[in-house]
């Protein structure tokens, strides 16, 4: 239960910190943090939680990470479902707190997106379904490749949280204009839960693509490691 609670709290922080920066601070008048600030916020949530709960649960905070670690032989399949449920619950709780804060100004409109992920008309840059699917698969695969390498017993434990956090920052710098960046089904579910409508209808992509990418990344690192 301690591990599941750690995953829930960690994902709560990821959604509140990352999506919160997008909803509350990205376009703040004159002082907006923009894409770079939002990207850093997501990276910092992972970096800080890796230090806080990495030694307890492994700090997955993401169903795609859990799936990728199972594929890479780093995590038991029997524990995966519990982790994923905890991540989704924690993410929705984080989005709930953000919703309560964001609606504190009259101009707030959850239908405007609430940092939800989307494709085609709901992609920030109007990117196609195919383009969004490709970017989510590839970037999640690379994220899992970095996670496997950074947490390898032959790597430095000090470097791991920094490498993983900066990798997530880079992923957001690449793909916010494409999908608003998911690479995390729990994060996507959390905001879609409050937006409803199109966000829920398009949510399937942000489960399928990251899970596929996570498994590919885990298998790819496993192949490289075993061929060494």
Protein backbone atom coordinates (compact mmCIF):
# COMPACT_ATOMS: atom_id res chain seq x y z
CA UNK A 1 0.00 0.00 0.00
CA UNK A 2 2.91 2.33 0.65
CA UNK A 3 4.07 1.92 -2.94
CA UNK A 4 0.59 2.56 -4.33
CA UNK A 5 0.15 5.63 -2.16
CA UNK A 6 3.55 6.91 -3.30
CA UNK A 7 2.50 6.46 -6.94
CA UNK A 8 -0.79 8.26 -6.34
CA UNK A 9 0.89 11.20 -4.57
CA UNK A 10 3.62 11.39 -7.20
CA UNK A 11 1.15 11.47 -10.08
CA UNK A 12 -0.95 14.01 -8.18
CA UNK A 13 2.12 16.24 -8.09
CA UNK A 14 2.96 15.67 -11.75
CA UNK A 15 -0.52 16.71 -12.90
CA UNK A 16 -0.86 19.60 -10.47
CA UNK A 17 2.62 20.92 -11.22
CA UNK A 18 2.81 20.25 -14.94
CA UNK A 19 -0.77 20.92 -16.02
CA UNK A 20 -1.03 23.66 -13.39
CA UNK A 21 1.82 25.54 -15.02
CA UNK A 22 0.05 25.25 -18.38
CA UNK A 23 -3.37 26.34 -17.11
CA UNK A 24 -2.37 29.01 -14.58
CA UNK A 25 0.98 30.39 -15.70
CA UNK A 26 1.74 29.67 -19.38
CA UNK A 27 -0.02 32.74 -20.76
CA UNK A 28 -0.18 34.88 -17.67
CA UNK A 29 -0.26 38.54 -18.76
CA UNK A 30 3.25 39.89 -19.43
CA UNK A 31 4.88 37.21 -17.26
CA UNK A 32 3.69 34.00 -18.92
CA UNK A 33 6.15 31.12 -18.74
CA UNK A 34 5.25 29.79 -22.20
CA UNK A 35 6.14 26.39 -23.66
CA UNK A 36 9.62 26.41 -22.12
CA UNK A 37 8.29 27.04 -18.64
CA UNK A 38 5.63 24.35 -18.93
CA UNK A 39 8.22 21.89 -20.23
CA UNK A 40 10.49 22.61 -17.29
CA UNK A 41 7.58 22.27 -14.87
CA UNK A 42 6.82 18.74 -16.04
CA UNK A 43 10.48 17.81 -15.81
CA UNK A 44 10.78 19.26 -12.34
CA UNK A 45 7.76 17.34 -11.05
CA UNK A 46 9.40 14.08 -12.05
CA UNK A 47 12.82 15.09 -10.76
CA UNK A 48 11.48 16.13 -7.36
CA UNK A 49 9.25 13.08 -6.95
CA UNK A 50 12.04 10.75 -8.05
CA UNK A 51 14.00 12.05 -5.07
CA UNK A 52 10.96 11.83 -2.78
CA UNK A 53 9.48 8.42 -3.63
CA UNK A 54 11.90 6.77 -6.05
CA UNK A 55 13.24 4.57 -3.26
CA UNK A 56 9.69 3.56 -2.28
CA UNK A 57 7.81 2.84 -5.49
CA UNK A 58 10.35 3.48 -8.25
CA UNK A 59 8.49 6.70 -9.15
CA UNK A 60 6.71 5.51 -12.30
CA UNK A 61 3.87 8.11 -12.16
CA UNK A 62 2.79 6.90 -15.59
CA UNK A 63 1.06 3.74 -16.91
CA UNK A 64 3.32 3.82 -19.97
CA UNK A 65 6.39 3.76 -17.72
CA UNK A 66 4.97 0.85 -15.76
CA UNK A 67 4.23 -1.05 -19.00
CA UNK A 68 7.68 -0.27 -20.36
CA UNK A 69 9.41 -1.45 -17.19
CA UNK A 70 7.41 -4.69 -17.33
CA UNK A 71 8.49 -5.16 -20.97
CA UNK A 72 12.09 -4.43 -20.03
CA UNK A 73 12.05 -7.02 -17.26
CA UNK A 74 12.41 -4.41 -14.52
CA UNK A 75 8.96 -4.67 -12.93
CA UNK A 76 6.65 -7.62 -12.17
CA UNK A 77 3.52 -7.87 -14.31
CA UNK A 78 1.42 -8.87 -11.28
CA UNK A 79 1.95 -5.44 -9.70
CA UNK A 80 1.27 -3.38 -12.83
CA UNK A 81 -2.50 -3.00 -12.55
CA UNK A 82 -2.34 -1.67 -8.98
CA UNK A 83 0.26 0.91 -10.01
CA UNK A 84 -1.81 2.04 -13.00
CA UNK A 85 -4.98 2.44 -10.93
CA UNK A 86 -3.08 4.43 -8.29
CA UNK A 87 -1.57 6.67 -10.97
CA UNK A 88 -4.94 7.44 -12.54
CA UNK A 89 -6.54 8.19 -9.16
CA UNK A 90 -3.65 10.45 -8.17
CA UNK A 91 -3.75 12.24 -11.52
CA UNK A 92 -7.49 12.91 -11.32
CA UNK A 93 -7.04 14.23 -7.78
CA UNK A 94 -4.31 16.59 -8.99
CA UNK A 95 -6.52 17.83 -11.82
CA UNK A 96 -9.34 18.26 -9.30
CA UNK A 97 -7.27 20.60 -7.14
CA UNK A 98 -6.18 22.49 -10.24
CA UNK A 99 -9.81 22.82 -11.36
CA UNK A 100 -10.83 24.28 -7.99
CA UNK A 101 -8.03 26.84 -8.18
CA UNK A 102 -8.50 27.72 -11.87
CA UNK A 103 -12.22 28.38 -11.52
CA UNK A 104 -11.40 31.07 -8.97
CA UNK A 105 -11.44 33.68 -11.77
CA UNK A 106 -14.54 34.51 -13.85
CA UNK A 107 -12.67 34.11 -17.15
CA UNK A 108 -11.92 30.43 -16.59
CA UNK A 109 -13.57 28.07 -19.08
CA UNK A 110 -12.84 24.36 -18.74
CA UNK A 111 -14.17 23.84 -22.27
CA UNK A 112 -11.14 25.76 -23.55
CA UNK A 113 -9.08 22.63 -22.99
CA UNK A 114 -7.73 22.60 -19.44
CA UNK A 115 -4.33 21.42 -20.80
CA UNK A 116 -5.96 18.33 -22.33
CA UNK A 117 -4.31 16.35 -25.10
CA UNK A 118 -5.82 16.21 -28.56
CA UNK A 119 -5.33 15.67 -32.27
CA UNK A 120 -6.52 17.37 -35.46
CA UNK A 121 -8.80 20.27 -34.44
CA UNK A 122 -7.74 19.84 -30.81
CA UNK A 123 -4.01 19.68 -31.49
CA UNK A 124 -2.41 23.04 -30.57
CA UNK A 125 -0.84 23.16 -34.03
CA UNK A 126 -3.62 21.34 -35.89
CA UNK A 127 -1.55 18.19 -36.43
CA UNK A 128 -3.16 15.08 -37.95
CA UNK A 129 -4.12 11.94 -36.07
CA UNK A 130 -1.25 10.06 -37.70
CA UNK A 131 1.31 12.71 -36.75
CA UNK A 132 0.08 12.77 -33.16
CA UNK A 133 0.15 8.99 -32.90
CA UNK A 134 3.71 8.82 -34.24
CA UNK A 135 5.08 11.52 -31.94
CA UNK A 136 3.48 9.96 -28.86
CA UNK A 137 4.81 6.47 -29.67
CA UNK A 138 8.33 7.61 -30.54
CA UNK A 139 8.79 10.05 -27.67
CA UNK A 140 7.41 7.61 -25.11
CA UNK A 141 9.74 4.91 -26.45
CA UNK A 142 12.73 7.23 -26.06
CA UNK A 143 11.56 8.22 -22.58
CA UNK A 144 11.53 4.57 -21.52
CA UNK A 145 14.90 3.98 -23.13
CA UNK A 146 16.36 6.82 -21.06
CA UNK A 147 14.60 5.60 -17.90
CA UNK A 148 16.02 2.10 -18.33
CA UNK A 149 19.52 3.40 -18.96
CA UNK A 150 19.48 5.99 -16.19
CA UNK A 151 18.24 3.46 -13.61
CA UNK A 152 20.53 0.65 -14.70
CA UNK A 153 22.56 -0.68 -11.77
CA UNK A 154 25.71 0.29 -13.67
CA UNK A 155 24.58 3.92 -13.87
CA UNK A 156 24.89 6.57 -11.18
CA UNK A 157 21.87 6.76 -8.87
CA UNK A 158 22.51 10.50 -8.46
CA UNK A 159 22.20 11.18 -12.19
CA UNK A 160 18.99 9.18 -12.76
CA UNK A 161 16.39 11.71 -11.52
CA UNK A 162 18.13 14.55 -13.39
CA UNK A 163 18.39 12.60 -16.65
CA UNK A 164 14.77 11.46 -16.48
CA UNK A 165 13.45 14.90 -15.56
CA UNK A 166 15.42 16.60 -18.34
CA UNK A 167 14.29 13.96 -20.81
CA UNK A 168 10.66 14.73 -19.99
CA UNK A 169 11.43 18.43 -20.37
CA UNK A 170 12.89 17.81 -23.83
CA UNK A 171 9.88 15.69 -24.81
CA UNK A 172 7.57 18.58 -23.92
CA UNK A 173 9.70 21.08 -25.83
CA UNK A 174 9.27 18.90 -28.92
CA UNK A 175 5.64 17.94 -28.70
CA UNK A 176 3.54 20.56 -26.90
CA UNK A 177 2.63 22.09 -30.30
CA UNK A 178 1.65 18.65 -31.62
CA UNK A 179 -0.48 17.00 -28.91
CA UNK A 180 -0.01 19.25 -25.85
CA UNK A 181 2.26 16.34 -24.84
CA UNK A 182 0.92 13.27 -23.14
CA UNK A 183 3.40 10.35 -23.07
CA UNK A 184 1.37 9.56 -19.94
CA UNK A 185 -2.15 8.10 -20.01
CA UNK A 186 -2.80 9.05 -16.37
CA UNK A 187 -2.00 12.71 -17.06
CA UNK A 188 -4.27 12.67 -20.14
CA UNK A 189 -7.11 10.98 -18.28
CA UNK A 190 -6.88 13.45 -15.40
CA UNK A 191 -7.60 16.54 -17.48
CA UNK A 192 -10.03 14.80 -19.85
CA UNK A 193 -12.10 13.78 -16.82
CA UNK A 194 -12.98 17.45 -16.23
CA UNK A 195 -13.23 18.59 -19.84
CA UNK A 196 -15.39 15.70 -21.08
CA UNK A 197 -16.67 15.77 -24.67
CA UNK A 198 -13.90 15.80 -27.25
CA UNK A 199 -11.15 15.22 -24.66
CA UNK A 200 -12.73 11.93 -23.59
CA UNK A 201 -13.48 10.94 -27.19
CA UNK A 202 -9.83 11.41 -28.17
CA UNK A 203 -8.42 9.89 -24.99
CA UNK A 204 -7.98 6.47 -26.61
CA UNK A 205 -4.95 7.72 -28.55
CA UNK A 206 -3.26 8.91 -25.38
CA UNK A 207 -3.59 5.47 -23.86
CA UNK A 208 -2.72 3.38 -26.90
CA UNK A 209 0.23 5.36 -28.28
CA UNK A 210 2.13 5.87 -24.97
CA UNK A 211 1.59 2.25 -23.91
CA UNK A 212 2.84 1.00 -27.29
CA UNK A 213 5.78 3.41 -27.10
CA UNK A 214 6.59 2.41 -23.53
CA UNK A 215 6.69 -1.29 -24.43
CA UNK A 216 8.83 -0.58 -27.50
CA UNK A 217 11.27 1.48 -25.43
CA UNK A 218 11.52 -1.21 -22.75
CA UNK A 219 12.12 -3.96 -25.30
CA UNK A 220 14.63 -1.82 -27.19
CA UNK A 221 16.75 -1.20 -24.11
CA UNK A 222 16.49 -4.86 -23.15
CA UNK A 223 17.75 -5.81 -26.62
CA UNK A 224 20.67 -3.37 -26.44
CA UNK A 225 21.55 -4.54 -22.93
CA UNK A 226 21.45 -8.23 -23.80
CA UNK A 227 23.45 -7.73 -26.98
CA UNK A 228 26.23 -5.87 -25.14
